[in-house]
N, C-alpha and C. Protein backbone atom coordinates (compact mmCIF):
# COMPACT_ATOMS: atom_id res chain seq x y z
N UNK A 1 -2.04 22.00 1.87
CA UNK A 1 -1.06 21.04 2.33
C UNK A 1 0.30 21.44 1.77
N UNK A 2 1.29 21.44 2.62
CA UNK A 2 2.65 21.76 2.18
C UNK A 2 3.46 20.48 2.06
N UNK A 3 4.24 20.42 0.98
CA UNK A 3 5.07 19.26 0.71
C UNK A 3 6.49 19.75 0.51
N UNK A 4 7.41 19.22 1.31
CA UNK A 4 8.83 19.55 1.15
C UNK A 4 9.52 18.51 0.28
N UNK A 5 10.28 18.99 -0.70
CA UNK A 5 11.01 18.10 -1.60
C UNK A 5 12.49 18.43 -1.57
N UNK A 6 13.31 17.40 -1.62
CA UNK A 6 14.77 17.56 -1.70
C UNK A 6 15.18 17.72 -3.16
N UNK A 7 16.37 18.22 -3.37
CA UNK A 7 16.89 18.39 -4.74
C UNK A 7 16.88 17.04 -5.45
N UNK A 8 16.33 17.00 -6.66
CA UNK A 8 16.29 15.79 -7.47
C UNK A 8 15.15 14.85 -7.12
N UNK A 9 14.42 15.12 -6.06
CA UNK A 9 13.32 14.24 -5.65
C UNK A 9 12.14 14.39 -6.61
N UNK A 10 11.42 13.29 -6.79
CA UNK A 10 10.26 13.30 -7.67
C UNK A 10 8.97 13.30 -6.85
N UNK A 11 7.96 13.88 -7.44
CA UNK A 11 6.62 13.91 -6.89
C UNK A 11 5.67 13.45 -7.99
N UNK A 12 4.79 12.52 -7.67
CA UNK A 12 3.80 12.04 -8.62
C UNK A 12 2.49 12.73 -8.25
N UNK A 13 2.03 13.63 -9.12
CA UNK A 13 0.89 14.49 -8.81
C UNK A 13 -0.17 14.34 -9.91
N UNK A 14 -1.32 13.77 -9.52
CA UNK A 14 -2.43 13.58 -10.46
C UNK A 14 -1.97 12.92 -11.77
N UNK A 15 -1.09 11.96 -11.67
CA UNK A 15 -0.62 11.22 -12.84
C UNK A 15 0.61 11.81 -13.51
N UNK A 16 1.01 13.03 -13.12
CA UNK A 16 2.20 13.65 -13.70
C UNK A 16 3.40 13.42 -12.78
N UNK A 17 4.58 13.32 -13.39
CA UNK A 17 5.81 13.18 -12.61
C UNK A 17 6.52 14.53 -12.63
N UNK A 18 6.83 15.01 -11.42
CA UNK A 18 7.49 16.31 -11.27
C UNK A 18 8.80 16.06 -10.53
N UNK A 19 9.91 16.64 -11.06
CA UNK A 19 11.20 16.54 -10.38
C UNK A 19 11.68 17.97 -10.13
N UNK A 20 12.20 18.20 -8.92
CA UNK A 20 12.68 19.54 -8.58
C UNK A 20 14.20 19.56 -8.61
N UNK A 21 14.76 20.69 -9.02
CA UNK A 21 16.22 20.83 -9.11
C UNK A 21 16.84 21.15 -7.76
N UNK A 22 16.14 21.91 -6.95
CA UNK A 22 16.65 22.32 -5.65
C UNK A 22 15.64 21.95 -4.57
N UNK A 23 16.12 21.99 -3.36
CA UNK A 23 15.22 21.80 -2.22
C UNK A 23 14.14 22.86 -2.32
N UNK A 24 12.90 22.41 -2.23
CA UNK A 24 11.79 23.35 -2.37
C UNK A 24 10.61 22.86 -1.56
N UNK A 25 9.66 23.75 -1.42
CA UNK A 25 8.43 23.41 -0.73
C UNK A 25 7.27 23.82 -1.63
N UNK A 26 6.34 22.89 -1.82
CA UNK A 26 5.14 23.15 -2.61
C UNK A 26 3.95 23.22 -1.69
N UNK A 27 3.02 24.08 -2.03
CA UNK A 27 1.76 24.12 -1.28
C UNK A 27 0.64 23.76 -2.25
N UNK A 28 -0.06 22.68 -1.93
CA UNK A 28 -1.20 22.28 -2.75
C UNK A 28 -2.43 23.01 -2.20
N UNK A 29 -3.06 23.78 -3.06
CA UNK A 29 -4.16 24.63 -2.63
C UNK A 29 -5.54 23.95 -2.75
N UNK A 30 -5.59 22.81 -3.38
CA UNK A 30 -6.85 22.08 -3.48
C UNK A 30 -6.56 20.58 -3.38
N UNK A 31 -7.59 19.78 -3.45
CA UNK A 31 -7.41 18.34 -3.36
C UNK A 31 -6.65 17.84 -4.58
N UNK A 32 -5.65 17.02 -4.32
CA UNK A 32 -4.86 16.42 -5.39
C UNK A 32 -4.40 15.06 -4.91
N UNK A 33 -4.23 14.18 -5.85
CA UNK A 33 -3.71 12.85 -5.55
C UNK A 33 -2.22 12.88 -5.85
N UNK A 34 -1.41 12.58 -4.84
CA UNK A 34 0.03 12.65 -5.04
C UNK A 34 0.73 11.55 -4.26
N UNK A 35 1.94 11.24 -4.71
CA UNK A 35 2.83 10.31 -4.02
C UNK A 35 4.21 10.92 -3.98
N UNK A 36 4.84 10.81 -2.84
CA UNK A 36 6.24 11.20 -2.74
C UNK A 36 7.10 10.02 -3.19
N UNK A 37 8.26 10.33 -3.69
CA UNK A 37 9.14 9.28 -4.20
C UNK A 37 9.43 8.21 -3.14
N UNK A 38 9.52 8.62 -1.89
CA UNK A 38 9.81 7.67 -0.81
C UNK A 38 8.70 6.66 -0.56
N UNK A 39 7.50 6.94 -1.07
CA UNK A 39 6.38 6.04 -0.88
C UNK A 39 6.20 5.08 -2.05
N UNK A 40 7.05 5.21 -3.06
CA UNK A 40 6.92 4.38 -4.25
C UNK A 40 7.53 3.00 -3.99
N UNK A 41 6.76 1.98 -4.28
CA UNK A 41 7.22 0.60 -4.17
C UNK A 41 7.52 0.11 -5.58
N UNK A 42 8.72 -0.38 -5.78
CA UNK A 42 9.09 -0.93 -7.09
C UNK A 42 8.43 -2.30 -7.26
N UNK A 43 8.18 -2.69 -8.49
CA UNK A 43 7.49 -3.95 -8.76
C UNK A 43 8.21 -5.14 -8.13
N UNK A 44 9.54 -5.16 -8.18
CA UNK A 44 10.28 -6.28 -7.61
C UNK A 44 10.27 -6.28 -6.08
N UNK A 45 9.77 -5.21 -5.46
CA UNK A 45 9.66 -5.15 -4.01
C UNK A 45 8.28 -5.61 -3.53
N UNK A 46 7.37 -5.86 -4.43
CA UNK A 46 6.02 -6.30 -4.08
C UNK A 46 6.04 -7.82 -3.86
N UNK A 47 6.74 -8.24 -2.82
CA UNK A 47 7.03 -9.67 -2.61
C UNK A 47 6.12 -10.34 -1.59
N UNK A 48 5.23 -9.59 -0.96
CA UNK A 48 4.31 -10.16 0.02
C UNK A 48 2.88 -9.80 -0.41
N UNK A 49 1.90 -10.48 0.14
CA UNK A 49 0.51 -10.18 -0.25
C UNK A 49 0.12 -8.71 -0.04
N UNK A 50 0.45 -8.14 1.12
CA UNK A 50 0.07 -6.75 1.36
C UNK A 50 0.84 -5.79 0.47
N UNK A 51 2.08 -6.10 0.19
CA UNK A 51 2.85 -5.23 -0.70
C UNK A 51 2.32 -5.31 -2.14
N UNK A 52 1.77 -6.45 -2.52
CA UNK A 52 1.15 -6.57 -3.84
C UNK A 52 -0.10 -5.69 -3.92
N UNK A 53 -0.89 -5.69 -2.85
CA UNK A 53 -2.06 -4.81 -2.81
C UNK A 53 -1.61 -3.35 -2.88
N UNK A 54 -0.58 -3.00 -2.12
CA UNK A 54 -0.05 -1.64 -2.13
C UNK A 54 0.38 -1.24 -3.55
N UNK A 55 1.08 -2.14 -4.22
CA UNK A 55 1.57 -1.85 -5.56
C UNK A 55 0.42 -1.57 -6.53
N UNK A 56 -0.65 -2.33 -6.41
CA UNK A 56 -1.81 -2.12 -7.28
C UNK A 56 -2.45 -0.76 -6.98
N UNK A 57 -2.62 -0.44 -5.70
CA UNK A 57 -3.18 0.86 -5.33
C UNK A 57 -2.28 1.99 -5.83
N UNK A 58 -0.99 1.80 -5.67
CA UNK A 58 -0.02 2.80 -6.14
C UNK A 58 -0.15 3.02 -7.64
N UNK A 59 -0.35 1.95 -8.37
CA UNK A 59 -0.50 2.06 -9.82
C UNK A 59 -1.73 2.89 -10.18
N UNK A 60 -2.79 2.75 -9.39
CA UNK A 60 -4.00 3.53 -9.64
C UNK A 60 -3.78 5.01 -9.35
N UNK A 61 -2.97 5.30 -8.34
CA UNK A 61 -2.66 6.69 -8.02
C UNK A 61 -1.76 7.30 -9.09
N UNK A 62 -0.76 6.56 -9.51
CA UNK A 62 0.23 7.10 -10.45
C UNK A 62 -0.32 7.23 -11.87
N UNK A 63 -1.27 6.37 -12.23
CA UNK A 63 -1.83 6.42 -13.58
C UNK A 63 -3.36 6.31 -13.48
N UNK A 64 -4.01 7.41 -13.17
CA UNK A 64 -5.47 7.37 -12.97
C UNK A 64 -6.24 6.84 -14.18
N UNK A 65 -5.69 6.96 -15.37
CA UNK A 65 -6.40 6.46 -16.56
C UNK A 65 -6.49 4.93 -16.57
N UNK A 66 -5.56 4.27 -15.88
CA UNK A 66 -5.61 2.80 -15.82
C UNK A 66 -6.38 2.30 -14.61
N UNK A 67 -6.88 3.22 -13.79
CA UNK A 67 -7.55 2.83 -12.54
C UNK A 67 -8.71 1.86 -12.73
N UNK A 68 -9.59 2.06 -13.73
CA UNK A 68 -10.70 1.09 -13.87
C UNK A 68 -10.21 -0.35 -14.09
N UNK A 69 -9.20 -0.53 -14.92
CA UNK A 69 -8.66 -1.86 -15.16
C UNK A 69 -7.97 -2.39 -13.89
N UNK A 70 -7.23 -1.53 -13.22
CA UNK A 70 -6.51 -1.93 -12.02
C UNK A 70 -7.48 -2.24 -10.87
N UNK A 71 -8.63 -1.60 -10.86
CA UNK A 71 -9.61 -1.84 -9.80
C UNK A 71 -10.06 -3.30 -9.82
N UNK A 72 -10.28 -3.85 -11.02
CA UNK A 72 -10.66 -5.26 -11.13
C UNK A 72 -9.56 -6.16 -10.58
N UNK A 73 -8.32 -5.85 -10.93
CA UNK A 73 -7.18 -6.62 -10.42
C UNK A 73 -7.09 -6.48 -8.91
N UNK A 74 -7.29 -5.27 -8.40
CA UNK A 74 -7.26 -5.02 -6.96
C UNK A 74 -8.27 -5.90 -6.24
N UNK A 75 -9.48 -5.94 -6.74
CA UNK A 75 -10.53 -6.72 -6.09
C UNK A 75 -10.21 -8.22 -6.10
N UNK A 76 -9.65 -8.71 -7.21
CA UNK A 76 -9.26 -10.13 -7.29
C UNK A 76 -8.16 -10.44 -6.29
N UNK A 77 -7.12 -9.61 -6.26
CA UNK A 77 -5.99 -9.84 -5.36
C UNK A 77 -6.44 -9.69 -3.91
N UNK A 78 -7.26 -8.70 -3.62
CA UNK A 78 -7.74 -8.50 -2.25
C UNK A 78 -8.50 -9.72 -1.75
N UNK A 79 -9.37 -10.26 -2.58
CA UNK A 79 -10.12 -11.47 -2.20
C UNK A 79 -9.17 -12.62 -1.91
N UNK A 80 -8.18 -12.80 -2.76
CA UNK A 80 -7.21 -13.87 -2.57
C UNK A 80 -6.39 -13.67 -1.29
N UNK A 81 -5.96 -12.44 -1.06
CA UNK A 81 -5.15 -12.14 0.14
C UNK A 81 -5.98 -12.36 1.40
N UNK A 82 -7.24 -11.95 1.38
CA UNK A 82 -8.11 -12.14 2.55
C UNK A 82 -8.19 -13.63 2.93
N UNK A 83 -8.22 -14.48 1.92
CA UNK A 83 -8.30 -15.93 2.19
C UNK A 83 -7.02 -16.46 2.84
N UNK A 84 -5.91 -15.77 2.63
CA UNK A 84 -4.62 -16.23 3.15
C UNK A 84 -4.32 -15.79 4.56
N UNK A 85 -5.11 -14.86 5.10
CA UNK A 85 -4.86 -14.36 6.46
C UNK A 85 -5.97 -14.79 7.39
N UNK A 86 -5.58 -15.08 8.63
CA UNK A 86 -6.58 -15.35 9.67
C UNK A 86 -6.48 -14.32 10.78
N UNK A 87 -5.45 -13.48 10.75
CA UNK A 87 -5.25 -12.45 11.77
C UNK A 87 -6.36 -11.41 11.67
N UNK A 88 -7.09 -11.21 12.77
CA UNK A 88 -8.23 -10.29 12.78
C UNK A 88 -7.82 -8.85 12.48
N UNK A 89 -6.66 -8.41 12.98
CA UNK A 89 -6.22 -7.03 12.71
C UNK A 89 -6.00 -6.83 11.21
N UNK A 90 -5.39 -7.81 10.57
CA UNK A 90 -5.16 -7.70 9.12
C UNK A 90 -6.49 -7.74 8.37
N UNK A 91 -7.37 -8.66 8.74
CA UNK A 91 -8.65 -8.77 8.06
C UNK A 91 -9.50 -7.50 8.23
N UNK A 92 -9.52 -6.95 9.44
CA UNK A 92 -10.24 -5.69 9.67
C UNK A 92 -9.62 -4.57 8.83
N UNK A 93 -8.29 -4.53 8.79
CA UNK A 93 -7.60 -3.52 7.99
C UNK A 93 -7.92 -3.66 6.52
N UNK A 94 -7.99 -4.90 6.04
CA UNK A 94 -8.32 -5.13 4.63
C UNK A 94 -9.76 -4.72 4.31
N UNK A 95 -10.67 -4.91 5.28
CA UNK A 95 -12.04 -4.42 5.08
C UNK A 95 -12.04 -2.91 4.89
N UNK A 96 -11.26 -2.22 5.73
CA UNK A 96 -11.19 -0.76 5.62
C UNK A 96 -10.51 -0.34 4.32
N UNK A 97 -9.47 -1.06 3.92
CA UNK A 97 -8.79 -0.78 2.65
C UNK A 97 -9.78 -0.91 1.50
N UNK A 98 -10.60 -1.96 1.52
CA UNK A 98 -11.59 -2.17 0.46
C UNK A 98 -12.59 -1.01 0.43
N UNK A 99 -13.03 -0.55 1.60
CA UNK A 99 -13.98 0.56 1.65
C UNK A 99 -13.35 1.85 1.12
N UNK A 100 -12.12 2.12 1.52
CA UNK A 100 -11.44 3.33 1.04
C UNK A 100 -11.24 3.28 -0.47
N UNK A 101 -10.78 2.14 -0.96
CA UNK A 101 -10.57 2.00 -2.40
C UNK A 101 -11.89 2.11 -3.16
N UNK A 102 -12.95 1.56 -2.59
CA UNK A 102 -14.26 1.65 -3.22
C UNK A 102 -14.74 3.08 -3.36
N UNK A 103 -14.29 3.94 -2.43
CA UNK A 103 -14.63 5.37 -2.47
C UNK A 103 -13.63 6.18 -3.30
N UNK A 104 -12.67 5.48 -3.93
CA UNK A 104 -11.66 6.18 -4.72
C UNK A 104 -10.59 6.85 -3.88
N UNK A 105 -10.50 6.49 -2.61
CA UNK A 105 -9.50 7.07 -1.70
C UNK A 105 -8.28 6.15 -1.65
N UNK A 106 -7.63 6.04 -2.80
CA UNK A 106 -6.53 5.09 -2.97
C UNK A 106 -5.34 5.43 -2.09
N UNK A 107 -5.02 6.70 -1.97
CA UNK A 107 -3.88 7.09 -1.16
C UNK A 107 -4.11 6.72 0.30
N UNK A 108 -5.32 6.98 0.82
CA UNK A 108 -5.64 6.60 2.20
C UNK A 108 -5.58 5.08 2.37
N UNK A 109 -6.02 4.36 1.36
CA UNK A 109 -5.94 2.89 1.41
C UNK A 109 -4.49 2.44 1.45
N UNK A 110 -3.63 3.12 0.67
CA UNK A 110 -2.20 2.78 0.66
C UNK A 110 -1.59 3.01 2.05
N UNK A 111 -1.93 4.12 2.69
CA UNK A 111 -1.40 4.40 4.03
C UNK A 111 -1.80 3.31 5.00
N UNK A 112 -3.04 2.86 4.91
CA UNK A 112 -3.51 1.81 5.80
C UNK A 112 -2.77 0.50 5.54
N UNK A 113 -2.56 0.16 4.28
CA UNK A 113 -1.82 -1.06 3.95
C UNK A 113 -0.41 -0.97 4.52
N UNK A 114 0.25 0.18 4.36
CA UNK A 114 1.61 0.36 4.93
C UNK A 114 1.60 0.13 6.44
N UNK A 115 0.54 0.56 7.11
CA UNK A 115 0.45 0.35 8.56
C UNK A 115 0.28 -1.11 8.93
N UNK A 116 -0.16 -1.93 7.99
CA UNK A 116 -0.32 -3.37 8.24
C UNK A 116 0.96 -4.16 7.99
N UNK A 117 1.94 -3.54 7.34
CA UNK A 117 3.20 -4.25 7.04
C UNK A 117 3.83 -4.90 8.28
N UNK A 118 3.95 -4.20 9.42
CA UNK A 118 4.61 -4.85 10.57
C UNK A 118 3.91 -6.13 11.02
N UNK A 119 2.58 -6.15 10.96
CA UNK A 119 1.85 -7.37 11.34
C UNK A 119 2.17 -8.48 10.36
N UNK A 120 2.14 -8.15 9.08
CA UNK A 120 2.44 -9.15 8.05
C UNK A 120 3.88 -9.66 8.22
N UNK A 121 4.81 -8.74 8.44
CA UNK A 121 6.21 -9.14 8.62
C UNK A 121 6.36 -10.10 9.80
N UNK A 122 5.65 -9.80 10.89
CA UNK A 122 5.71 -10.67 12.06
C UNK A 122 5.10 -12.04 11.76
N UNK A 123 3.97 -12.04 11.07
CA UNK A 123 3.31 -13.31 10.74
C UNK A 123 4.15 -14.17 9.80
N UNK A 124 4.95 -13.53 8.97
CA UNK A 124 5.75 -14.28 7.99
C UNK A 124 7.15 -14.59 8.49
N UNK A 125 7.47 -14.14 9.70
CA UNK A 125 8.82 -14.34 10.21
C UNK A 125 9.03 -15.80 10.63
N UNK A 126 10.27 -16.28 10.52
CA UNK A 126 10.57 -17.65 10.97
C UNK A 126 10.26 -17.84 12.46
N UNK A 127 10.46 -16.80 13.26
CA UNK A 127 10.19 -16.88 14.70
C UNK A 127 8.71 -17.16 14.93
N UNK A 128 7.85 -16.47 14.23
CA UNK A 128 6.41 -16.67 14.37
C UNK A 128 6.04 -18.09 13.95
N UNK A 129 6.61 -18.54 12.84
CA UNK A 129 6.31 -19.89 12.35
C UNK A 129 6.74 -20.95 13.36
N UNK A 130 7.88 -20.74 14.04
CA UNK A 130 8.33 -21.68 15.06
C UNK A 130 7.36 -21.69 16.25
N UNK A 131 6.87 -20.49 16.63
CA UNK A 131 5.92 -20.41 17.74
C UNK A 131 4.63 -21.14 17.41
N UNK A 132 4.14 -20.97 16.19
CA UNK A 132 2.91 -21.66 15.76
C UNK A 132 3.13 -23.16 15.77
N UNK A 133 4.25 -23.61 15.23
CA UNK A 133 4.56 -25.04 15.20
C UNK A 133 4.66 -25.59 16.61
N UNK A 134 5.29 -24.86 17.51
CA UNK A 134 5.43 -25.31 18.91
C UNK A 134 4.07 -25.41 19.58
N UNK A 135 3.18 -24.44 19.33
CA UNK A 135 1.86 -24.49 19.97
C UNK A 135 1.03 -25.64 19.41
N UNK A 136 1.21 -25.95 18.13
CA UNK A 136 0.50 -27.09 17.54
C UNK A 136 1.01 -28.38 18.15
N UNK A 137 2.34 -28.52 18.29
CA UNK A 137 2.91 -29.72 18.90
C UNK A 137 2.50 -29.86 20.36
N UNK A 138 2.42 -28.75 21.08
CA UNK A 138 2.04 -28.79 22.48
C UNK A 138 0.59 -29.24 22.64
N UNK A 139 -0.24 -28.91 21.66
CA UNK A 139 -1.65 -29.29 21.73
C UNK A 139 -1.87 -30.77 21.43
N UNK A 140 -0.88 -31.39 20.77
CA UNK A 140 -1.02 -32.79 20.37
C UNK A 140 -0.70 -33.71 21.48
């Protein structure tokens, strides 16, 4: 796998932080767990249920030694988040996230969670809430 990095960009590789001085390209010759700086979610950005799950998964990727402790937290938060959603696409996605994380495929689980962000954003939007309220009033 080839990874292109810009000058000053960081790469989190198997728990190590690597920063490059110039634009460069790395080729990973074997399996490695890595995150590009652009995929890093800061703690204060974990403001929604799915972003909180992403942050926990990210923490397991960035610091593999803390993964066993974070796995317990992940399972608690995942259970809580599942209870808060009724959207079948999100629930199916969370089932797959749980399976991937259970297999130690945290990066793949993170990618799947990122793909669920647009659904979550739509469900949490004021427009969606108005539509739900209108449909409830229409049913009454």
